[in-house]
C-alpha atoms as a PDB file:
ATOM      1  CA  UNK A   1     -16.948  30.841  29.074  1.00  0.00           C
ATOM      2  CA  UNK A   2     -18.500  30.601  26.001  1.00  0.00           C
ATOM      3  CA  UNK A   3     -16.755  28.875  23.020  1.00  0.00           C
ATOM      4  CA  UNK A   4     -17.152  31.892  20.129  1.00  0.00           C
ATOM      5  CA  UNK A   5     -18.339  31.093  16.377  1.00  0.00           C
ATOM      6  CA  UNK A   6     -15.030  31.063  15.099  1.00  0.00           C
ATOM      7  CA  UNK A   7     -13.756  28.366  17.600  1.00  0.00           C
ATOM      8  CA  UNK A   8     -16.857  26.206  17.400  1.00  0.00           C
ATOM      9  CA  UNK A   9     -16.734  26.358  13.315  1.00  0.00           C
ATOM     10  CA  UNK A  10     -12.728  25.328  13.730  1.00  0.00           C
ATOM     11  CA  UNK A  11     -13.545  22.462  15.920  1.00  0.00           C
ATOM     12  CA  UNK A  12     -16.574  20.944  13.667  1.00  0.00           C
ATOM     13  CA  UNK A  13     -14.474  21.526  10.375  1.00  0.00           C
ATOM     14  CA  UNK A  14     -11.783  19.206  12.155  1.00  0.00           C
ATOM     15  CA  UNK A  15     -14.392  16.763  13.031  1.00  0.00           C
ATOM     16  CA  UNK A  16     -15.744  16.899   9.587  1.00  0.00           C
ATOM     17  CA  UNK A  17     -11.928  16.255   8.033  1.00  0.00           C
ATOM     18  CA  UNK A  18     -11.562  13.355  10.393  1.00  0.00           C
ATOM     19  CA  UNK A  19     -14.803  11.925   9.503  1.00  0.00           C
ATOM     20  CA  UNK A  20     -14.320  12.428   5.703  1.00  0.00           C
ATOM     21  CA  UNK A  21     -10.706  11.809   5.427  1.00  0.00           C
ATOM     22  CA  UNK A  22     -10.138   9.658   8.535  1.00  0.00           C
ATOM     23  CA  UNK A  23      -7.068   7.972   6.556  1.00  0.00           C
ATOM     24  CA  UNK A  24      -5.179  11.018   6.196  1.00  0.00           C
ATOM     25  CA  UNK A  25      -5.730  12.119  10.046  1.00  0.00           C
ATOM     26  CA  UNK A  26      -5.684   8.839  11.986  1.00  0.00           C
ATOM     27  CA  UNK A  27      -4.539   5.729   9.560  1.00  0.00           C
ATOM     28  CA  UNK A  28      -1.938   4.137  10.386  1.00  0.00           C
ATOM     29  CA  UNK A  29      -0.516   0.662  10.082  1.00  0.00           C
ATOM     30  CA  UNK A  30      -1.256  -2.174  12.595  1.00  0.00           C
ATOM     31  CA  UNK A  31      -0.335  -5.785  12.921  1.00  0.00           C
ATOM     32  CA  UNK A  32      -4.122  -6.415  13.679  1.00  0.00           C
ATOM     33  CA  UNK A  33      -4.727  -5.612  10.153  1.00  0.00           C
ATOM     34  CA  UNK A  34      -2.026  -7.485   8.951  1.00  0.00           C
ATOM     35  CA  UNK A  35      -2.512 -11.210   9.644  1.00  0.00           C
ATOM     36  CA  UNK A  36      -2.483 -12.736   6.034  1.00  0.00           C
ATOM     37  CA  UNK A  37       0.933 -10.984   5.596  1.00  0.00           C
ATOM     38  CA  UNK A  38       2.304 -11.928   9.078  1.00  0.00           C
ATOM     39  CA  UNK A  39       1.536 -15.544   8.335  1.00  0.00           C
ATOM     40  CA  UNK A  40       4.172 -15.253   5.523  1.00  0.00           C
ATOM     41  CA  UNK A  41       7.219 -14.812   8.022  1.00  0.00           C
ATOM     42  CA  UNK A  42       5.941 -16.592  11.000  1.00  0.00           C
ATOM     43  CA  UNK A  43       9.721 -16.882  12.564  1.00  0.00           C
ATOM     44  CA  UNK A  44      10.764 -13.555  10.479  1.00  0.00           C
ATOM     45  CA  UNK A  45      13.078 -10.917  12.275  1.00  0.00           C
ATOM     46  CA  UNK A  46      11.400  -7.980  13.433  1.00  0.00           C
ATOM     47  CA  UNK A  47      12.551  -5.749  10.342  1.00  0.00           C
ATOM     48  CA  UNK A  48      10.460  -8.722   8.306  1.00  0.00           C
ATOM     49  CA  UNK A  49       7.481  -8.577  10.565  1.00  0.00           C
ATOM     50  CA  UNK A  50       7.437  -4.765  10.760  1.00  0.00           C
ATOM     51  CA  UNK A  51       7.696  -4.994   6.678  1.00  0.00           C
ATOM     52  CA  UNK A  52       4.543  -7.675   6.748  1.00  0.00           C
ATOM     53  CA  UNK A  53       2.337  -4.826   8.674  1.00  0.00           C
ATOM     54  CA  UNK A  54       3.964  -2.157   6.335  1.00  0.00           C
ATOM     55  CA  UNK A  55       3.245  -4.116   3.261  1.00  0.00           C
ATOM     56  CA  UNK A  56      -0.404  -4.609   4.594  1.00  0.00           C
ATOM     57  CA  UNK A  57      -0.628  -1.093   4.899  1.00  0.00           C
ATOM     58  CA  UNK A  58       0.717   0.237   1.842  1.00  0.00           C
ATOM     59  CA  UNK A  59       1.327  -2.716  -1.009  1.00  0.00           C
ATOM     60  CA  UNK A  60      -1.800  -5.336  -0.319  1.00  0.00           C
ATOM     61  CA  UNK A  61      -4.151  -3.245  -2.116  1.00  0.00           C
ATOM     62  CA  UNK A  62      -2.753  -3.755  -5.247  1.00  0.00           C
ATOM     63  CA  UNK A  63      -0.626  -6.883  -4.985  1.00  0.00           C
ATOM     64  CA  UNK A  64      -2.648  -8.689  -2.523  1.00  0.00           C
ATOM     65  CA  UNK A  65      -2.665  -9.839   1.333  1.00  0.00           C
ATOM     66  CA  UNK A  66      -0.153 -12.809   0.090  1.00  0.00           C
ATOM     67  CA  UNK A  67       1.702 -11.500  -2.666  1.00  0.00           C
ATOM     68  CA  UNK A  68      -0.423 -13.343  -5.340  1.00  0.00           C
ATOM     69  CA  UNK A  69      -0.673  -9.998  -7.473  1.00  0.00           C
ATOM     70  CA  UNK A  70      -3.926  -7.790  -8.694  1.00  0.00           C
ATOM     71  CA  UNK A  71      -6.403 -10.809  -8.772  1.00  0.00           C
ATOM     72  CA  UNK A  72      -5.872 -11.827  -5.509  1.00  0.00           C
ATOM     73  CA  UNK A  73      -6.522  -8.199  -4.389  1.00  0.00           C
ATOM     74  CA  UNK A  74      -9.454  -7.365  -6.374  1.00  0.00           C
ATOM     75  CA  UNK A  75     -10.986 -10.380  -4.980  1.00  0.00           C
ATOM     76  CA  UNK A  76     -10.863  -9.354  -1.726  1.00  0.00           C
ATOM     77  CA  UNK A  77     -12.951  -5.800  -2.491  1.00  0.00           C
ATOM     78  CA  UNK A  78     -16.460  -5.412  -2.342  1.00  0.00           C
ATOM     79  CA  UNK A  79     -18.218  -6.689  -5.632  1.00  0.00           C
ATOM     80  CA  UNK A  80     -19.087  -2.976  -6.210  1.00  0.00           C
ATOM     81  CA  UNK A  81     -15.539  -1.940  -6.796  1.00  0.00           C
ATOM     82  CA  UNK A  82     -14.104  -4.899  -8.211  1.00  0.00           C
ATOM     83  CA  UNK A  83     -14.280  -3.255 -11.795  1.00  0.00           C
ATOM     84  CA  UNK A  84     -11.303  -0.962 -10.789  1.00  0.00           C
ATOM     85  CA  UNK A  85     -11.300   0.502 -14.651  1.00  0.00           C
ATOM     86  CA  UNK A  86     -14.356   2.452 -14.127  1.00  0.00           C
ATOM     87  CA  UNK A  87     -12.544   4.663 -11.982  1.00  0.00           C
ATOM     88  CA  UNK A  88      -8.532   3.746 -12.320  1.00  0.00           C
ATOM     89  CA  UNK A  89      -8.901   4.019 -16.325  1.00  0.00           C
ATOM     90  CA  UNK A  90      -5.868   2.808 -17.912  1.00  0.00           C
ATOM     91  CA  UNK A  91      -5.409   5.404 -20.535  1.00  0.00           C
ATOM     92  CA  UNK A  92      -4.443   7.720 -17.034  1.00  0.00           C
ATOM     93  CA  UNK A  93      -0.893   8.135 -15.983  1.00  0.00           C
ATOM     94  CA  UNK A  94       0.104   5.849 -13.733  1.00  0.00           C
ATOM     95  CA  UNK A  95       0.859   8.957 -11.201  1.00  0.00           C
ATOM     96  CA  UNK A  96      -1.661  11.662 -11.446  1.00  0.00           C
ATOM     97  CA  UNK A  97      -1.549  14.766  -9.302  1.00  0.00           C
ATOM     98  CA  UNK A  98      -4.068  15.014  -6.689  1.00  0.00           C
ATOM     99  CA  UNK A  99      -5.461  18.131  -7.791  1.00  0.00           C
ATOM    100  CA  UNK A 100      -6.559  16.445 -11.101  1.00  0.00           C
ATOM    101  CA  UNK A 101      -8.135  13.298  -9.355  1.00  0.00           C
ATOM    102  CA  UNK A 102     -11.622  13.674 -10.084  1.00  0.00           C
ATOM    103  CA  UNK A 103     -14.377  10.894  -9.255  1.00  0.00           C
ATOM    104  CA  UNK A 104     -14.521   7.810 -11.546  1.00  0.00           C
ATOM    105  CA  UNK A 105     -11.033   9.374 -12.847  1.00  0.00           C
ATOM    106  CA  UNK A 106      -7.961   8.703 -10.888  1.00  0.00           C
ATOM    107  CA  UNK A 107      -4.632   7.441 -11.523  1.00  0.00           C
ATOM    108  CA  UNK A 108      -4.405   4.228 -13.458  1.00  0.00           C
ATOM    109  CA  UNK A 109      -3.915   1.022 -11.116  1.00  0.00           C
ATOM    110  CA  UNK A 110      -2.059  -0.988 -13.974  1.00  0.00           C
ATOM    111  CA  UNK A 111      -1.857  -5.032 -13.280  1.00  0.00           C
ATOM    112  CA  UNK A 112      -0.047  -5.456 -10.170  1.00  0.00           C
ATOM    113  CA  UNK A 113       2.345  -8.655 -10.333  1.00  0.00           C
ATOM    114  CA  UNK A 114       2.401 -11.706  -8.110  1.00  0.00           C
ATOM    115  CA  UNK A 115       5.434 -10.780  -5.526  1.00  0.00           C
ATOM    116  CA  UNK A 116       5.061 -14.230  -4.110  1.00  0.00           C
ATOM    117  CA  UNK A 117       4.448 -17.406  -4.912  1.00  0.00           C
ATOM    118  CA  UNK A 118       4.300 -20.098  -8.386  1.00  0.00           C
ATOM    119  CA  UNK A 119       5.459 -17.977 -11.027  1.00  0.00           C
ATOM    120  CA  UNK A 120       6.780 -14.950  -8.991  1.00  0.00           C
ATOM    121  CA  UNK A 121       9.607 -14.351  -7.199  1.00  0.00           C
ATOM    122  CA  UNK A 122      11.980 -11.565  -5.961  1.00  0.00           C
ATOM    123  CA  UNK A 123      14.793 -13.240  -7.145  1.00  0.00           C
ATOM    124  CA  UNK A 124      15.173 -11.538 -10.648  1.00  0.00           C
ATOM    125  CA  UNK A 125      16.510  -8.621  -8.869  1.00  0.00           C
ATOM    126  CA  UNK A 126      19.470 -10.533  -7.475  1.00  0.00           C
ATOM    127  CA  UNK A 127      20.060  -8.654  -4.653  1.00  0.00           C
ATOM    128  CA  UNK A 128      18.458  -6.608  -1.362  1.00  0.00           C
ATOM    129  CA  UNK A 129      19.569  -3.291  -2.655  1.00  0.00           C
ATOM    130  CA  UNK A 130      18.600  -3.683  -6.387  1.00  0.00           C
ATOM    131  CA  UNK A 131      15.102  -4.394  -5.319  1.00  0.00           C
ATOM    132  CA  UNK A 132      14.991  -1.911  -2.838  1.00  0.00           C
ATOM    133  CA  UNK A 133      15.912   0.898  -5.339  1.00  0.00           C
ATOM    134  CA  UNK A 134      13.260  -0.517  -8.082  1.00  0.00           C
ATOM    135  CA  UNK A 135      10.563  -0.138  -5.093  1.00  0.00           C
ATOM    136  CA  UNK A 136      11.536   2.901  -3.934  1.00  0.00           C
ATOM    137  CA  UNK A 137      11.412   4.380  -7.084  1.00  0.00           C
ATOM    138  CA  UNK A 138       8.220   3.076  -8.373  1.00  0.00           C
ATOM    139  CA  UNK A 139       6.040   2.204  -5.618  1.00  0.00           C
ATOM    140  CA  UNK A 140       3.226   2.948  -4.348  1.00  0.00           C
ATOM    141  CA  UNK A 141       2.071   3.219  -8.032  1.00  0.00           C
ATOM    142  CA  UNK A 142       0.634   6.766  -7.454  1.00  0.00           C
ATOM    143  CA  UNK A 143       3.149   8.118  -5.237  1.00  0.00           C
ATOM    144  CA  UNK A 144       6.693   6.999  -5.799  1.00  0.00           C
ATOM    145  CA  UNK A 145       9.407   7.570  -3.458  1.00  0.00           C
ATOM    146  CA  UNK A 146       6.379   8.500  -0.898  1.00  0.00           C
ATOM    147  CA  UNK A 147       7.623   6.502   2.188  1.00  0.00           C
ATOM    148  CA  UNK A 148      10.730   6.560   4.597  1.00  0.00           C
ATOM    149  CA  UNK A 149      14.123   4.759   3.761  1.00  0.00           C
ATOM    150  CA  UNK A 150      13.462   2.815   6.791  1.00  0.00           C
ATOM    151  CA  UNK A 151       9.650   1.638   5.435  1.00  0.00           C
ATOM    152  CA  UNK A 152      11.153   0.596   2.144  1.00  0.00           C
ATOM    153  CA  UNK A 153      13.789  -1.395   3.903  1.00  0.00           C
ATOM    154  CA  UNK A 154      11.744  -3.204   6.179  1.00  0.00           C
ATOM    155  CA  UNK A 155       8.802  -4.002   2.866  1.00  0.00           C
ATOM    156  CA  UNK A 156      11.635  -5.313   1.276  1.00  0.00           C
ATOM    157  CA  UNK A 157      12.997  -7.332   4.054  1.00  0.00           C
ATOM    158  CA  UNK A 158       9.741  -9.015   4.355  1.00  0.00           C
ATOM    159  CA  UNK A 159       9.197  -9.639   0.582  1.00  0.00           C
ATOM    160  CA  UNK A 160      12.548 -11.392   0.820  1.00  0.00           C
ATOM    161  CA  UNK A 161      12.086 -13.421   4.137  1.00  0.00           C
ATOM    162  CA  UNK A 162       8.445 -14.158   2.637  1.00  0.00           C
ATOM    163  CA  UNK A 163       9.980 -15.650  -0.635  1.00  0.00           C
ATOM    164  CA  UNK A 164      12.255 -17.546   1.269  1.00  0.00           C
ATOM    165  CA  UNK A 165      15.143 -15.861   1.761  1.00  0.00           C
ATOM    166  CA  UNK A 166      16.199 -15.158  -1.823  1.00  0.00           C
ATOM    167  CA  UNK A 167      17.882 -12.046  -3.130  1.00  0.00           C
ATOM    168  CA  UNK A 168      20.164 -11.359  -0.085  1.00  0.00           C
END
């Protein structure tokens, strides 16, 4: 049986989508990509370790692999991409509809603060629920509320565990 032109065209289109936009079709959080964040909770609970993997996937690009903030994150980018304001203009809104994002004109990334380490702490939120509410309402920056409640809970558990258990 010979494939029709329409069927071949659809198959080619699907393959091109996977090549051009692989993260939208295939990307999933993997422990293998979360070495630095997992090292922050070596004896952590299953929830903290799962949160470390989710953190590496959803948060580290702005807050750094070990939660030290935007400068840590930016230092891991290729040199040609370390000037984030070239594409993520500070005057742009923090949430920009996908249809309005153009090359060199994306949402403002702001300056992601350090979440862990010297001078930074999740303690200021006072409780797990307060931190969870804040993270759920504001993160990830371009798409707040995009993760599931379970994913947000795991990320917050990781942050509190990596910070030494403060904020319980």
